[in-house]
């Protein structure tokens, strides 16, 4: 049964789609099998060719016209039938947007290929483009398969658009594919060496804002959650491999890059043994550690940093992350009680000490060390520093600024990040010393635990324990 007339504005593709829907309702007796075969074969091709222009516009009037035309059939007069038709139409719209995303992503790859051809030559650009394109294809195939997940939690109605949050997540997927291209090839020369860290920093920004945009627009979907988790895991893996490739992190930091995949493998093995799994409880601490690790690996991609300072920092960062990782795994698999060696401890007292008093003491330690550095940079003391005159002045100002910030408790985590970056840059001139390692440890602890008691201004703490656009997480 072919529905003519009212469907003509949709073009040939819409007519074929209508035939297919009618076939599902009325069976083979109402349509020639050969025609149906042509419809099935032609439909995906027409999505990319005949109706390419439809992927660039949104026309709800035409969409409603198709639904109303098909709703005239007796099988689709029920509310369930109308909902099913809307879902089918929404899926078609999503596939058209998928095609647009495909075209834009490969256009970006082509532009970068042209750029690298001019910088490093055609052989380098080709190797980069092949790796980036392969990863992009993998992500596109995966996205195509999970398009039916584009509905809100607790609902079944498929949304016809990705929404601003998902679009930002898709942009992160393209950025990650660009980063994959840098694996197994030489680092770019000169200022171009900053391109990978710039791309990953841009990826971090999209990771921060995509959830916010999804929440404020009311477009929080299962598709977005799946895309976000997959993009986070893949991005961390690629950035970790690049940092190891560039020599800034040691080999024992690599498990961090594979953490999510190791976690999923453990859950898979647990299920194969027919053992129960339990839901993971929401935790602001887990989000904090994941965000800090992403920020850390971003810094490790900076071409001005290198071992041994980065190796020490990577080790200190990795230990608490692995602890949280192990606790989460034991919790999800229901084994936490069996390995609770901390049972009977006064956890509230330990938490108070580790989050309130210890950071306060470490802030005092930072003030002492920065005070010593200020005397060295000012020339009052000698400390094995061979800085140019301008460099001495810069680091002197920074030392005084850090002393004020940690003394007053102003933006503790933010200045901890700045202090770690400055400490990594100082390694080019400073003599490795015990106080240097103490400073790095103190800064990492403050970054992870906060500035502790008696802080004057710490607005970043709200972001640690809350998501913009969402109620506070317990």
Protein backbone atom coordinates (compact mmCIF):
# COMPACT_ATOMS: atom_id res chain seq x y z
CA UNK A 1 0.00 0.00 0.00
CA UNK A 2 1.69 3.17 -1.24
CA UNK A 3 0.37 6.48 0.11
CA UNK A 4 0.56 9.11 -2.67
CA UNK A 5 -0.13 12.81 -2.80
CA UNK A 6 0.39 14.18 0.66
CA UNK A 7 3.82 12.53 0.94
CA UNK A 8 5.25 14.03 -2.24
CA UNK A 9 6.96 16.96 -0.39
CA UNK A 10 9.11 14.41 1.39
CA UNK A 11 10.69 13.25 -1.84
CA UNK A 12 11.37 9.68 -2.94
CA UNK A 13 12.94 8.65 0.35
CA UNK A 14 9.84 9.49 2.39
CA UNK A 15 7.63 7.56 -0.05
CA UNK A 16 9.86 4.48 0.24
CA UNK A 17 9.86 4.85 4.02
CA UNK A 18 6.06 5.01 3.96
CA UNK A 19 5.95 1.81 1.89
CA UNK A 20 8.12 0.11 4.43
CA UNK A 21 5.88 1.24 7.31
CA UNK A 22 2.78 0.09 5.44
CA UNK A 23 4.45 -3.28 4.79
CA UNK A 24 5.06 -3.71 8.52
CA UNK A 25 1.35 -3.08 9.18
CA UNK A 26 -0.45 -4.91 6.39
CA UNK A 27 1.96 -7.73 5.45
CA UNK A 28 3.33 -8.94 2.13
CA UNK A 29 -0.06 -9.38 0.50
CA UNK A 30 -0.53 -5.65 -0.03
CA UNK A 31 2.82 -5.01 -1.72
CA UNK A 32 4.94 -6.73 -4.28
CA UNK A 33 7.94 -8.41 -2.62
CA UNK A 34 10.26 -7.12 -5.32
CA UNK A 35 9.19 -3.54 -4.66
CA UNK A 36 9.73 -4.07 -0.96
CA UNK A 37 13.24 -5.37 -1.66
CA UNK A 38 14.04 -2.25 -3.66
CA UNK A 39 12.75 -0.11 -0.83
CA UNK A 40 14.93 -1.82 1.76
CA UNK A 41 18.03 -1.59 -0.42
CA UNK A 42 17.45 1.98 -1.55
CA UNK A 43 16.43 3.54 1.73
CA UNK A 44 19.87 3.96 3.38
CA UNK A 45 21.39 5.20 0.12
CA UNK A 46 18.66 7.79 -0.32
CA UNK A 47 19.22 9.02 3.23
CA UNK A 48 22.74 10.04 2.22
CA UNK A 49 22.04 11.20 -1.36
CA UNK A 50 18.44 12.09 -2.26
CA UNK A 51 17.53 13.72 1.05
CA UNK A 52 20.94 15.16 1.96
CA UNK A 53 19.45 18.65 2.08
CA UNK A 54 16.92 17.47 4.67
CA UNK A 55 19.78 16.78 7.09
CA UNK A 56 20.56 20.49 7.12
CA UNK A 57 17.10 21.73 8.07
CA UNK A 58 14.43 20.89 10.62
CA UNK A 59 10.89 20.88 9.30
CA UNK A 60 8.39 19.78 11.93
CA UNK A 61 5.47 20.54 9.60
CA UNK A 62 6.58 17.88 7.12
CA UNK A 63 7.25 15.47 9.93
CA UNK A 64 3.71 16.00 11.26
CA UNK A 65 2.33 15.58 7.74
CA UNK A 66 3.93 12.14 7.45
CA UNK A 67 2.62 11.10 10.84
CA UNK A 68 -0.91 12.28 10.09
CA UNK A 69 -0.91 10.51 6.72
CA UNK A 70 0.14 7.20 8.23
CA UNK A 71 -2.12 7.71 11.24
CA UNK A 72 -5.05 7.26 8.89
CA UNK A 73 -4.31 3.54 8.85
CA UNK A 74 -6.37 1.61 11.36
CA UNK A 75 -3.27 0.05 12.95
CA UNK A 76 -1.86 3.46 13.84
CA UNK A 77 -4.97 5.14 15.29
CA UNK A 78 -4.05 4.11 18.84
CA UNK A 79 -1.80 6.29 21.04
CA UNK A 80 0.78 3.51 21.00
CA UNK A 81 0.78 3.49 17.22
CA UNK A 82 1.22 7.25 17.02
CA UNK A 83 4.11 7.03 19.50
CA UNK A 84 5.70 4.29 17.42
CA UNK A 85 5.42 6.41 14.29
CA UNK A 86 6.98 9.37 16.05
CA UNK A 87 9.89 7.19 17.18
CA UNK A 88 10.46 5.94 13.63
CA UNK A 89 10.41 9.49 12.29
CA UNK A 90 12.71 10.65 15.09
CA UNK A 91 15.17 7.86 14.29
CA UNK A 92 15.22 8.95 10.63
CA UNK A 93 15.96 12.52 11.71
CA UNK A 94 18.76 11.32 13.98
CA UNK A 95 20.32 9.34 11.15
CA UNK A 96 20.27 12.41 8.95
CA UNK A 97 22.04 14.38 11.67
CA UNK A 98 24.47 11.49 12.01
CA UNK A 99 25.28 11.91 8.30
CA UNK A 100 25.91 15.63 8.81
CA UNK A 101 28.19 14.85 11.76
CA UNK A 102 30.06 12.36 9.57
CA UNK A 103 30.57 14.94 6.82
CA UNK A 104 31.72 17.71 9.19
CA UNK A 105 34.11 15.40 11.07
CA UNK A 106 35.82 14.13 7.95
CA UNK A 107 36.04 17.68 6.62
CA UNK A 108 37.97 18.60 9.80
CA UNK A 109 40.27 15.62 9.30
CA UNK A 110 40.93 16.77 5.73
CA UNK A 111 41.79 20.28 6.92
CA UNK A 112 44.25 18.96 9.50
CA UNK A 113 45.74 16.65 6.87
CA UNK A 114 46.36 19.66 4.67
CA UNK A 115 47.98 21.50 7.59
CA UNK A 116 50.30 18.62 8.51
CA UNK A 117 51.28 18.17 4.88
CA UNK A 118 52.67 21.71 4.89
CA UNK A 119 54.35 21.31 8.29
CA UNK A 120 55.79 17.77 8.20
CA UNK A 121 55.29 16.47 4.69
CA UNK A 122 52.83 14.15 2.98
CA UNK A 123 54.06 10.90 4.60
CA UNK A 124 53.56 12.25 8.13
CA UNK A 125 50.16 13.73 7.22
CA UNK A 126 49.00 10.46 5.65
CA UNK A 127 49.91 8.38 8.71
CA UNK A 128 48.13 10.87 10.94
CA UNK A 129 45.02 10.94 8.72
CA UNK A 130 44.76 7.14 8.55
CA UNK A 131 44.81 6.75 12.33
CA UNK A 132 42.41 9.64 12.92
CA UNK A 133 40.00 8.42 10.23
CA UNK A 134 40.03 4.86 11.56
CA UNK A 135 39.11 6.03 15.05
CA UNK A 136 36.46 8.36 13.66
CA UNK A 137 34.87 5.49 11.71
CA UNK A 138 34.78 3.32 14.83
CA UNK A 139 33.03 6.07 16.76
CA UNK A 140 30.56 6.72 13.93
CA UNK A 141 29.59 3.05 13.71
CA UNK A 142 29.16 2.91 17.47
CA UNK A 143 27.02 6.07 17.41
CA UNK A 144 24.80 4.68 14.65
CA UNK A 145 24.06 1.59 16.74
CA UNK A 146 23.08 3.51 19.88
CA UNK A 147 20.91 6.19 18.25
CA UNK A 148 17.77 4.47 19.66
CA UNK A 149 19.02 5.46 23.13
CA UNK A 150 18.25 9.12 22.47
CA UNK A 151 15.42 9.30 25.00
CA UNK A 152 15.16 10.68 28.51
CA UNK A 153 15.50 8.48 31.56
CA UNK A 154 12.19 6.82 32.40
CA UNK A 155 10.72 7.62 28.97
CA UNK A 156 10.51 5.64 25.75
CA UNK A 157 9.76 8.44 23.28
CA UNK A 158 12.73 8.93 20.98
CA UNK A 159 13.93 12.53 20.64
CA UNK A 160 14.48 13.65 17.02
CA UNK A 161 17.44 15.93 17.86
CA UNK A 162 20.70 15.40 19.68
CA UNK A 163 20.39 18.53 21.78
CA UNK A 164 23.19 20.97 22.70
CA UNK A 165 24.79 18.69 25.28
CA UNK A 166 25.06 15.71 22.95
CA UNK A 167 26.36 17.90 20.14
CA UNK A 168 29.17 19.04 22.41
CA UNK A 169 29.91 15.43 23.34
CA UNK A 170 30.01 14.51 19.66
CA UNK A 171 32.48 17.35 19.12
CA UNK A 172 34.64 15.79 21.84
CA UNK A 173 34.54 12.52 19.95
CA UNK A 174 35.93 14.24 16.87
CA UNK A 175 38.66 15.91 18.94
CA UNK A 176 39.67 12.55 20.40
CA UNK A 177 39.86 11.07 16.91
CA UNK A 178 42.22 13.91 15.95
CA UNK A 179 44.38 13.07 18.99
CA UNK A 180 44.55 9.40 18.01
CA UNK A 181 46.31 10.49 14.85
CA UNK A 182 49.34 11.60 16.91
CA UNK A 183 49.94 8.10 18.28
CA UNK A 184 53.00 6.24 16.99
CA UNK A 185 54.36 9.24 15.05
CA UNK A 186 56.94 11.87 15.94
CA UNK A 187 56.05 14.88 18.03
CA UNK A 188 55.38 18.04 16.04
CA UNK A 189 58.22 20.59 16.00
CA UNK A 190 58.36 24.00 17.66
CA UNK A 191 55.15 25.64 18.77
CA UNK A 192 53.13 22.98 16.93
CA UNK A 193 54.11 20.60 19.75
CA UNK A 194 51.44 22.39 21.80
CA UNK A 195 48.68 21.23 19.45
CA UNK A 196 47.92 17.88 21.19
CA UNK A 197 47.65 19.46 24.64
CA UNK A 198 45.52 22.27 23.20
CA UNK A 199 43.15 19.76 21.62
CA UNK A 200 42.87 17.74 24.82
CA UNK A 201 42.28 20.89 26.85
CA UNK A 202 39.47 21.73 24.44
CA UNK A 203 38.14 18.21 25.02
CA UNK A 204 38.20 18.85 28.78
CA UNK A 205 36.14 22.00 28.29
CA UNK A 206 33.50 20.15 26.27
CA UNK A 207 33.38 17.49 29.00
CA UNK A 208 32.62 20.18 31.58
CA UNK A 209 29.93 21.98 29.61
CA UNK A 210 28.11 19.14 27.81
CA UNK A 211 26.44 17.87 30.97
CA UNK A 212 25.49 21.38 32.00
CA UNK A 213 23.91 22.13 28.62
CA UNK A 214 22.05 18.83 28.66
CA UNK A 215 20.62 19.53 32.12
CA UNK A 216 19.55 23.13 31.53
CA UNK A 217 17.98 22.24 28.16
CA UNK A 218 16.13 19.23 29.56
CA UNK A 219 17.88 16.91 27.10
CA UNK A 220 19.55 14.47 29.49
CA UNK A 221 19.32 11.17 27.60
CA UNK A 222 20.68 7.66 27.82
CA UNK A 223 22.48 8.33 24.55
CA UNK A 224 24.25 11.33 26.10
CA UNK A 225 25.26 9.36 29.18
CA UNK A 226 26.64 6.53 27.05
CA UNK A 227 28.50 8.91 24.73
CA UNK A 228 29.93 10.83 27.69
CA UNK A 229 31.28 7.73 29.44
CA UNK A 230 32.74 6.31 26.24
CA UNK A 231 34.34 9.61 25.25
CA UNK A 232 35.82 10.11 28.73
CA UNK A 233 37.35 6.64 28.78
CA UNK A 234 38.71 6.86 25.24
CA UNK A 235 40.05 10.38 25.75
CA UNK A 236 41.89 9.46 28.93
CA UNK A 237 43.38 6.38 27.25
CA UNK A 238 44.62 8.31 24.21
CA UNK A 239 46.03 11.18 26.32
CA UNK A 240 47.81 8.75 28.65
CA UNK A 241 49.37 6.90 25.71
CA UNK A 242 50.52 10.21 24.22
CA UNK A 243 52.03 11.36 27.53
CA UNK A 244 53.92 8.06 27.77
CA UNK A 245 54.96 8.34 24.13
CA UNK A 246 56.36 11.82 24.80
CA UNK A 247 58.23 10.55 27.86
CA UNK A 248 56.49 12.67 30.51
CA UNK A 249 54.87 9.83 32.49
CA UNK A 250 56.43 6.46 33.46
CA UNK A 251 55.19 3.09 32.27
CA UNK A 252 53.51 2.32 35.56
CA UNK A 253 51.08 5.19 34.96
CA UNK A 254 49.60 3.38 31.93
CA UNK A 255 47.01 1.44 34.01
CA UNK A 256 45.25 4.76 34.58
CA UNK A 257 44.57 5.05 30.85
CA UNK A 258 43.10 1.54 30.73
CA UNK A 259 41.24 1.90 34.06
CA UNK A 260 37.67 1.94 32.74
CA UNK A 261 38.30 -0.95 30.36
CA UNK A 262 39.92 -2.99 33.14
CA UNK A 263 36.93 -2.15 35.35
CA UNK A 264 34.45 -3.33 32.70
CA UNK A 265 36.47 -6.49 32.08
CA UNK A 266 36.37 -7.27 35.80
CA UNK A 267 32.59 -6.81 35.86
CA UNK A 268 32.24 -9.02 32.78
CA UNK A 269 34.24 -11.82 34.42
CA UNK A 270 32.21 -11.38 37.60
CA UNK A 271 28.97 -11.78 35.64
CA UNK A 272 30.28 -14.80 33.77
CA UNK A 273 30.65 -16.47 37.13
CA UNK A 274 26.93 -15.75 37.69
CA UNK A 275 27.71 -13.48 40.64
CA UNK A 276 25.52 -10.47 41.44
CA UNK A 277 26.39 -6.86 40.65
CA UNK A 278 25.19 -3.86 42.64
CA UNK A 279 24.56 -0.27 41.46
CA UNK A 280 27.37 2.21 42.00
CA UNK A 281 26.45 4.95 44.44
CA UNK A 282 26.80 8.57 43.25
CA UNK A 283 29.90 10.22 44.68
CA UNK A 284 31.31 13.72 44.35
CA UNK A 285 34.70 12.32 45.44
CA UNK A 286 34.78 9.98 42.46
CA UNK A 287 33.93 12.81 40.08
CA UNK A 288 36.60 14.98 41.68
CA UNK A 289 39.32 12.37 41.30
CA UNK A 290 38.32 11.65 37.71
CA UNK A 291 38.33 15.35 36.86
CA UNK A 292 41.66 15.94 38.59
CA UNK A 293 43.25 13.03 36.76
CA UNK A 294 42.00 14.39 33.42
CA UNK A 295 43.44 17.77 34.31
CA UNK A 296 46.71 16.17 35.35
CA UNK A 297 47.12 14.21 32.14
CA UNK A 298 46.37 17.42 30.23
CA UNK A 299 49.27 19.13 32.00
CA UNK A 300 51.49 16.11 31.29
CA UNK A 301 51.03 16.73 27.57
CA UNK A 302 52.68 20.15 27.86
CA UNK A 303 55.98 19.96 25.93
CA UNK A 304 57.86 22.07 28.53
CA UNK A 305 57.54 19.38 31.21
CA UNK A 306 59.49 16.18 31.71
CA UNK A 307 60.91 13.68 34.20
CA UNK A 308 61.90 13.17 36.95
CA UNK A 309 59.41 15.68 38.32
CA UNK A 310 56.56 14.44 36.14
CA UNK A 311 57.31 10.81 37.04
CA UNK A 312 57.10 11.63 40.76
CA UNK A 313 53.87 13.61 40.29
CA UNK A 314 52.35 10.83 38.19
CA UNK A 315 53.07 8.30 40.92
CA UNK A 316 51.58 10.49 43.66
CA UNK A 317 48.47 11.14 41.54
CA UNK A 318 48.07 7.47 40.64
CA UNK A 319 48.00 6.05 44.19
CA UNK A 320 44.74 7.69 45.41
CA UNK A 321 43.09 7.04 42.06
CA UNK A 322 43.86 3.31 42.26
CA UNK A 323 42.51 3.28 45.82
CA UNK A 324 39.18 4.80 44.71
CA UNK A 325 39.13 2.44 41.73
CA UNK A 326 39.56 -0.63 43.97
CA UNK A 327 36.92 0.55 46.46
CA UNK A 328 34.40 1.12 43.66
CA UNK A 329 35.06 -2.32 42.18
CA UNK A 330 34.63 -4.04 45.55
CA UNK A 331 31.46 -2.03 46.15
CA UNK A 332 29.85 -2.90 42.79
CA UNK A 333 30.73 -6.58 43.08
CA UNK A 334 29.53 -6.78 46.68
CA UNK A 335 32.95 -7.70 48.08
CA UNK A 336 33.61 -4.53 50.03
CA UNK A 337 32.59 -6.07 53.36
CA UNK A 338 34.93 -9.03 52.85
CA UNK A 339 37.96 -6.76 52.44
CA UNK A 340 37.04 -4.01 54.90
CA UNK A 341 40.36 -3.95 56.71
CA UNK A 342 39.41 -0.46 57.87
CA UNK A 343 36.37 -1.84 59.74
CA UNK A 344 36.34 -0.59 63.32
CA UNK A 345 38.31 2.55 62.48
CA UNK A 346 36.90 5.93 63.45
CA UNK A 347 36.26 7.01 59.87
CA UNK A 348 34.73 10.36 60.83
CA UNK A 349 37.83 11.28 62.78
CA UNK A 350 40.09 10.17 59.93
CA UNK A 351 38.00 12.16 57.45
CA UNK A 352 38.15 15.25 59.64
CA UNK A 353 41.91 14.98 59.95
CA UNK A 354 42.57 14.28 56.28
CA UNK A 355 40.21 16.93 54.89
CA UNK A 356 40.48 19.70 57.50
CA UNK A 357 43.68 19.60 59.53
CA UNK A 358 46.18 17.95 57.16
CA UNK A 359 45.57 20.48 54.33
CA UNK A 360 45.99 23.32 56.82
CA UNK A 361 49.38 21.96 57.91
CA UNK A 362 50.44 21.44 54.30
CA UNK A 363 49.45 25.01 53.45
CA UNK A 364 51.85 26.11 56.17
CA UNK A 365 54.55 23.89 54.65
CA UNK A 366 53.94 25.47 51.22
CA UNK A 367 54.31 28.95 52.74
CA UNK A 368 57.68 28.00 54.26
CA UNK A 369 58.99 26.49 51.02
CA UNK A 370 57.77 29.37 48.88
CA UNK A 371 59.30 31.80 51.36
CA UNK A 372 62.63 30.03 50.98
CA UNK A 373 62.28 30.10 47.18
CA UNK A 374 61.51 33.82 47.29
CA UNK A 375 64.78 34.43 49.15
CA UNK A 376 66.64 32.34 46.57
CA UNK A 377 65.07 34.05 43.58
CA UNK A 378 65.68 37.49 45.11
CA UNK A 379 69.37 36.69 45.50
CA UNK A 380 69.39 36.83 49.31
CA UNK A 381 70.22 33.11 49.45
CA UNK A 382 71.97 30.84 46.96
CA UNK A 383 70.20 27.66 46.01
CA UNK A 384 71.79 26.28 42.86
CA UNK A 385 69.55 28.33 40.59
CA UNK A 386 70.82 29.55 37.22
CA UNK A 387 67.87 31.62 36.06
CA UNK A 388 68.10 34.63 33.76
CA UNK A 389 67.30 37.92 35.42
CA UNK A 390 63.79 38.10 33.99
CA UNK A 391 63.07 34.54 35.09
CA UNK A 392 64.16 35.31 38.65
CA UNK A 393 61.71 38.19 38.83
CA UNK A 394 58.81 36.09 37.48
CA UNK A 395 59.36 33.23 39.91
CA UNK A 396 59.89 35.67 42.79
CA UNK A 397 56.49 37.23 42.10
CA UNK A 398 54.90 33.80 41.80
CA UNK A 399 56.41 32.65 45.10
CA UNK A 400 55.05 35.70 46.91
CA UNK A 401 51.65 35.23 45.28
CA UNK A 402 51.52 31.56 46.33
CA UNK A 403 52.47 32.51 49.89
CA UNK A 404 49.56 34.96 50.11
CA UNK A 405 47.07 32.54 48.53
CA UNK A 406 47.91 29.57 50.75
CA UNK A 407 48.22 31.73 53.84
CA UNK A 408 44.77 33.27 53.41
CA UNK A 409 43.14 30.17 51.95
CA UNK A 410 42.20 31.76 48.63
CA UNK A 411 41.35 29.42 45.73
CA UNK A 412 43.35 26.60 47.30
CA UNK A 413 42.82 23.97 44.60
CA UNK A 414 43.32 26.49 41.79
CA UNK A 415 46.64 27.71 43.20
CA UNK A 416 47.67 24.10 43.79
CA UNK A 417 47.29 23.46 40.06
CA UNK A 418 49.21 26.64 39.24
CA UNK A 419 51.92 25.69 41.73
CA UNK A 420 52.34 22.24 40.17
CA UNK A 421 52.70 23.74 36.68
CA UNK A 422 55.23 26.28 37.97
CA UNK A 423 57.14 23.53 39.80
CA UNK A 424 57.34 21.48 36.61
CA UNK A 425 58.70 24.45 34.66
CA UNK A 426 61.24 25.23 37.41
CA UNK A 427 62.80 21.80 36.94
CA UNK A 428 64.66 23.20 33.95
CA UNK A 429 66.77 25.36 36.28
CA UNK A 430 66.37 24.19 39.88
CA UNK A 431 68.54 21.59 41.56
CA UNK A 432 66.46 18.61 42.68
CA UNK A 433 66.07 18.85 46.43
CA UNK A 434 64.08 17.38 49.27
CA UNK A 435 62.02 20.53 49.73
CA UNK A 436 61.00 20.37 46.06
CA UNK A 437 59.50 16.89 46.50
CA UNK A 438 57.77 18.03 49.69
CA UNK A 439 56.24 20.96 47.83
CA UNK A 440 54.95 18.77 44.99
CA UNK A 441 53.43 16.31 47.46
CA UNK A 442 51.76 19.13 49.45
CA UNK A 443 50.32 20.73 46.30
CA UNK A 444 48.90 17.43 45.06
CA UNK A 445 47.33 16.74 48.46
CA UNK A 446 45.69 20.19 48.55
CA UNK A 447 44.43 19.72 45.01
CA UNK A 448 42.77 16.41 45.89
CA UNK A 449 41.56 17.15 49.43
CA UNK A 450 40.99 20.89 49.33
CA UNK A 451 42.52 23.72 51.36
CA UNK A 452 41.08 22.52 54.67
CA UNK A 453 39.98 24.77 57.54
CA UNK A 454 40.24 28.56 57.77
CA UNK A 455 39.83 29.42 54.11
CA UNK A 456 38.92 32.92 53.03
CA UNK A 457 37.62 32.32 49.51
CA UNK A 458 37.10 28.86 47.97
CA UNK A 459 34.32 28.99 45.34
CA UNK A 460 35.82 25.99 43.54
CA UNK A 461 34.54 23.77 46.36
CA UNK A 462 31.00 24.23 45.09
CA UNK A 463 31.99 22.81 41.70
CA UNK A 464 33.63 19.84 43.42
CA UNK A 465 30.46 18.82 45.26
CA UNK A 466 27.81 19.95 42.77
CA UNK A 467 27.02 19.86 39.09
CA UNK A 468 25.94 23.12 37.47
CA UNK A 469 22.28 22.88 36.60
CA UNK A 470 21.64 20.06 39.06
CA UNK A 471 20.88 19.72 42.76
CA UNK A 472 23.68 19.03 45.21
CA UNK A 473 25.09 15.50 45.19
CA UNK A 474 25.30 13.87 48.64
